Amino acid sequence: MSEEDLKAELEKLKKENAALKQSSSRDLHCKVSQKGAVSLYGLGRFPVTLYKEQWNKLLSFTGEIKNFIEEHNDELSVK
């Protein structure tokens, strides 16, 4: 790589880094993983990554999860 190419790449990386710093770390967002799964970012330090079928199964179970949380509210911690 030439020096000009390195400088251009450095500027590109600086811009990407600034954009990442501006977005809140609490914002939820999805990306397609290298293996074709859906990764959900913003819940914790690491993403939650599941395949499409797993997400569909989990999403169809949301009512049960909400009921469970309500029934065990006094036992659950809040972060």
Protein backbone atom coordinates (compact mmCIF):
# COMPACT_ATOMS: atom_id res chain seq x y z
CA MET A 1 0.00 0.00 0.00
CA SER A 2 1.19 3.47 -0.78
CA GLU A 3 1.39 6.19 1.82
CA GLU A 4 -1.61 7.91 0.24
CA ASP A 5 -3.65 4.70 0.50
CA LEU A 6 -2.71 4.35 4.16
CA LYS A 7 -3.70 7.95 4.88
CA ALA A 8 -7.04 7.45 3.11
CA GLU A 9 -7.68 4.26 5.06
CA LEU A 10 -6.77 6.00 8.32
CA GLU A 11 -9.22 8.83 7.60
CA LYS A 12 -11.94 6.32 6.76
CA LEU A 13 -11.35 4.47 10.04
CA LYS A 14 -11.37 7.74 11.99
CA LYS A 15 -14.76 8.65 10.50
CA GLU A 16 -16.18 5.19 11.27
CA ASN A 17 -14.85 5.40 14.83
CA ALA A 18 -16.43 8.83 15.34
CA ALA A 19 -19.77 7.55 14.02
CA LEU A 20 -19.65 4.59 16.40
CA LYS A 21 -18.90 6.85 19.36
CA GLN A 22 -21.85 9.09 18.50
CA SER A 23 -24.37 6.26 18.47
CA SER A 24 -25.52 5.32 21.93
CA SER A 25 -24.25 1.99 23.20
CA ARG A 26 -27.79 1.34 24.49
CA ASP A 27 -29.33 1.44 21.01
CA LEU A 28 -30.52 -1.94 19.84
CA HIS A 29 -29.51 -2.92 16.34
CA CYS A 30 -29.17 -6.06 14.26
CA LYS A 31 -26.55 -7.36 11.89
CA VAL A 32 -26.22 -10.50 9.82
CA SER A 33 -23.35 -12.59 11.17
CA GLN A 34 -20.69 -14.19 9.00
CA LYS A 35 -22.51 -17.51 9.34
CA GLY A 36 -25.88 -16.05 8.29
CA ALA A 37 -27.44 -15.66 11.72
CA VAL A 38 -29.01 -12.53 13.23
CA SER A 39 -26.94 -10.78 15.89
CA LEU A 40 -28.72 -8.37 18.22
CA TYR A 41 -26.44 -5.71 19.71
CA GLY A 42 -27.11 -3.37 22.61
CA LEU A 43 -28.38 -5.66 25.36
CA GLY A 44 -25.04 -6.32 26.98
CA ARG A 45 -21.35 -6.57 26.32
CA PHE A 46 -21.77 -9.29 23.70
CA PRO A 47 -24.40 -9.68 21.00
CA VAL A 48 -27.20 -12.23 21.16
CA THR A 49 -26.84 -14.32 18.01
CA LEU A 50 -29.46 -16.79 16.84
CA TYR A 51 -30.44 -18.27 13.49
CA LYS A 52 -33.69 -17.24 11.83
CA GLU A 53 -35.59 -20.31 13.04
CA GLN A 54 -34.42 -19.72 16.60
CA TRP A 55 -35.52 -16.06 16.51
CA ASN A 56 -38.93 -17.07 15.16
CA LYS A 57 -39.32 -19.68 17.91
CA LEU A 58 -38.29 -17.16 20.57
CA LEU A 59 -40.56 -14.42 19.22
CA SER A 60 -43.55 -16.78 19.21
CA PHE A 61 -42.85 -17.41 22.91
CA THR A 62 -42.91 -13.74 23.97
CA GLY A 63 -46.29 -13.98 25.69
CA GLU A 64 -45.08 -16.79 27.94
CA ILE A 65 -41.90 -14.86 28.74
CA LYS A 66 -43.87 -11.75 29.71
CA ASN A 67 -46.20 -13.82 31.92
CA PHE A 68 -43.24 -15.53 33.58
CA ILE A 69 -41.62 -12.15 34.31
CA GLU A 70 -44.85 -10.83 35.82
CA GLU A 71 -45.33 -13.93 37.97
CA HIS A 72 -41.73 -13.83 39.26
CA ASN A 73 -41.29 -10.07 39.39
CA ASP A 74 -40.33 -10.02 43.07
CA GLU A 75 -37.58 -12.62 42.48
CA LEU A 76 -35.98 -10.89 39.48
CA SER A 77 -33.17 -8.34 39.49
CA VAL A 78 -33.18 -5.14 37.47
CA LYS A 79 -30.06 -3.80 35.78
